[in-house]
C-alpha cells in the first residue's frame, strides 16, 4: 500500500495507512502482525485500544542481539538502515558505566510473549518455532 501511495509519504500518513489496514483486516476476522518497535508507550496504548474494539489480543515479541552483531548486519544494508537504527537506539537501550560501560535493554511496560536473542540463528529459529506454536493457540 505504501508503494501505491508513491513518494512523499511520511511517518504520520504511514501510521494512518497501517491503522486503516489493521481495522480492515480485523473487521474481516483476520489476524495482524505488525513489525514495529512499540517503544513509544502512546503507540502501544493506541494499538491496545484499537484491539479492544475488535476483541483482538495484542501480543508483543522482542527480538534483539549483541550490539556488534546488529551493527554488522546494518553495515550490510544501507546508510538509511544505520541512520534509523541510531535514531531509535536510545528508545531501546540504556547506558551503564559499570564494567567499563555497556548498553543494556530497557524495560518496557509490557509483558512479552517472548524475548528472542537473534545472535545465534540455531537458537532463535528454535525459539521462534515455539512462539509460532503459542501464537496458533490464540
Protein backbone atom coordinates (compact mmCIF):
# COMPACT_ATOMS: atom_id res chain seq x y z
CA UNK A 1 0.00 0.00 0.00
CA UNK A 2 2.90 2.33 0.71
CA UNK A 3 4.23 1.68 -2.78
CA UNK A 4 0.82 2.60 -4.22
CA UNK A 5 0.95 5.94 -2.40
CA UNK A 6 4.26 6.66 -4.07
CA UNK A 7 6.91 9.04 -2.87
CA UNK A 8 6.21 11.64 -0.26
CA UNK A 9 4.73 9.52 2.47
CA UNK A 10 5.81 10.41 5.99
CA UNK A 11 5.53 8.82 9.44
CA UNK A 12 2.09 10.36 10.01
CA UNK A 13 0.46 9.08 6.83
CA UNK A 14 2.26 5.75 7.18
CA UNK A 15 0.60 5.37 10.59
CA UNK A 16 -2.77 6.29 9.05
CA UNK A 17 -2.34 3.76 6.24
CA UNK A 18 -1.26 1.00 8.64
CA UNK A 19 -4.12 1.78 11.05
CA UNK A 20 -6.67 1.65 8.21
CA UNK A 21 -5.29 -1.70 7.04
CA UNK A 22 -5.38 -3.15 10.57
CA UNK A 23 -9.02 -2.11 11.01
CA UNK A 24 -9.97 -3.57 7.63
CA UNK A 25 -8.31 -6.92 8.42
CA UNK A 26 -9.74 -7.13 11.95
CA UNK A 27 -13.25 -6.31 10.70
CA UNK A 28 -12.96 -9.35 8.43
CA UNK A 29 -11.93 -11.51 11.39
CA UNK A 30 -8.31 -11.75 10.28
CA UNK A 31 -5.07 -11.62 12.23
CA UNK A 32 -2.49 -8.88 12.03
CA UNK A 33 1.24 -8.97 12.71
CA UNK A 34 2.87 -5.56 12.95
CA UNK A 35 6.60 -5.14 12.60
CA UNK A 36 7.22 -2.18 14.85
CA UNK A 37 9.28 -1.42 17.90
CA UNK A 38 6.42 -0.11 20.06
CA UNK A 39 8.96 1.58 22.33
CA UNK A 40 6.61 4.56 22.49
CA UNK A 41 4.06 3.95 25.24
CA UNK A 42 1.47 6.12 23.46
CA UNK A 43 1.78 3.97 20.36
CA UNK A 44 1.27 0.80 22.41
CA UNK A 45 -1.77 2.23 24.18
CA UNK A 46 -3.30 3.27 20.86
CA UNK A 47 -2.78 -0.23 19.45
CA UNK A 48 -4.24 -1.86 22.55
CA UNK A 49 -7.26 0.48 22.48
CA UNK A 50 -7.92 -0.36 18.83
CA UNK A 51 -7.56 -4.08 19.54
CA UNK A 52 -10.14 -3.92 22.34
CA UNK A 53 -12.72 -2.56 19.88
CA UNK A 54 -12.43 -5.80 17.91
CA UNK A 55 -11.85 -8.08 20.91
CA UNK A 56 -8.43 -8.83 19.45
CA UNK A 57 -5.46 -9.88 21.55
CA UNK A 58 -2.20 -7.97 21.45
CA UNK A 59 0.96 -9.98 21.88
CA UNK A 60 4.44 -8.42 21.96
CA UNK A 61 7.60 -10.18 20.83
CA UNK A 62 11.02 -8.66 21.29
CA UNK A 63 13.94 -9.52 19.04
CA UNK A 64 17.41 -8.31 19.98
CA UNK A 65 21.07 -9.24 19.69
CA UNK A 66 24.51 -8.09 20.71
CA UNK A 67 25.27 -4.55 19.52
CA UNK A 68 28.29 -5.59 17.42
CA UNK A 69 26.24 -8.25 15.62
CA UNK A 70 23.49 -5.71 15.00
CA UNK A 71 25.91 -3.15 13.57
CA UNK A 72 27.48 -5.80 11.33
CA UNK A 73 24.05 -6.65 9.93
CA UNK A 74 23.25 -2.99 9.37
CA UNK A 75 26.52 -2.37 7.55
CA UNK A 76 25.48 -4.99 5.00
CA UNK A 77 22.37 -2.93 4.28
CA UNK A 78 22.34 0.81 3.78
CA UNK A 79 23.06 4.16 5.33
CA UNK A 80 19.31 4.64 5.77
CA UNK A 81 19.10 1.49 7.92
CA UNK A 82 22.05 2.64 10.03
CA UNK A 83 20.61 6.13 10.45
CA UNK A 84 17.22 4.72 11.52
CA UNK A 85 18.89 2.31 13.94
CA UNK A 86 20.91 5.08 15.58
CA UNK A 87 17.81 7.27 15.83
CA UNK A 88 15.83 4.55 17.62
CA UNK A 89 18.67 3.15 19.79
CA UNK A 90 18.02 5.43 22.80
CA UNK A 91 14.42 4.21 22.87
CA UNK A 92 15.56 0.64 23.45
CA UNK A 93 18.85 0.78 25.36
CA UNK A 94 20.28 2.44 28.46
CA UNK A 95 23.96 3.06 29.14
CA UNK A 96 25.67 1.71 32.22
CA UNK A 97 29.15 2.82 33.31
CA UNK A 98 29.66 -0.49 35.12
CA UNK A 99 32.40 -2.81 33.85
CA UNK A 100 33.88 -0.16 31.56
CA UNK A 101 30.50 0.78 30.14
CA UNK A 102 27.90 -1.07 28.13
CA UNK A 103 24.36 -0.80 26.82
CA UNK A 104 21.50 -2.89 28.19
CA UNK A 105 17.90 -3.35 27.06
CA UNK A 106 15.36 -1.01 28.59
CA UNK A 107 12.36 -2.40 30.37
CA UNK A 108 9.03 -1.66 28.71
CA UNK A 109 5.73 -1.56 30.50
CA UNK A 110 4.50 -4.63 28.61
CA UNK A 111 4.72 -8.36 29.04
CA UNK A 112 6.42 -10.04 26.10
CA UNK A 113 5.21 -13.40 24.88
CA UNK A 114 8.87 -13.97 24.12
CA UNK A 115 12.17 -12.12 24.01
CA UNK A 116 14.35 -13.60 21.30
CA UNK A 117 18.10 -13.05 21.07
CA UNK A 118 18.87 -13.30 17.35
CA UNK A 119 22.66 -13.57 17.76
CA UNK A 120 22.73 -17.33 17.06
CA UNK A 121 20.43 -18.45 14.26
CA UNK A 122 20.21 -22.04 15.50
CA UNK A 123 18.90 -20.83 18.86
CA UNK A 124 16.47 -18.14 17.70
CA UNK A 125 14.98 -20.33 14.98
CA UNK A 126 14.09 -22.99 17.57
CA UNK A 127 12.63 -20.38 19.90
CA UNK A 128 10.65 -18.85 17.03
CA UNK A 129 9.03 -22.24 16.29
CA UNK A 130 7.91 -22.42 19.91
CA UNK A 131 6.50 -18.89 19.70
CA UNK A 132 4.67 -19.73 16.46
CA UNK A 133 3.04 -22.68 18.23
CA UNK A 134 1.92 -20.41 21.07
CA UNK A 135 0.50 -17.88 18.60
CA UNK A 136 -1.55 -20.55 16.85
CA UNK A 137 -3.35 -21.17 20.16
CA UNK A 138 -4.63 -17.57 20.20
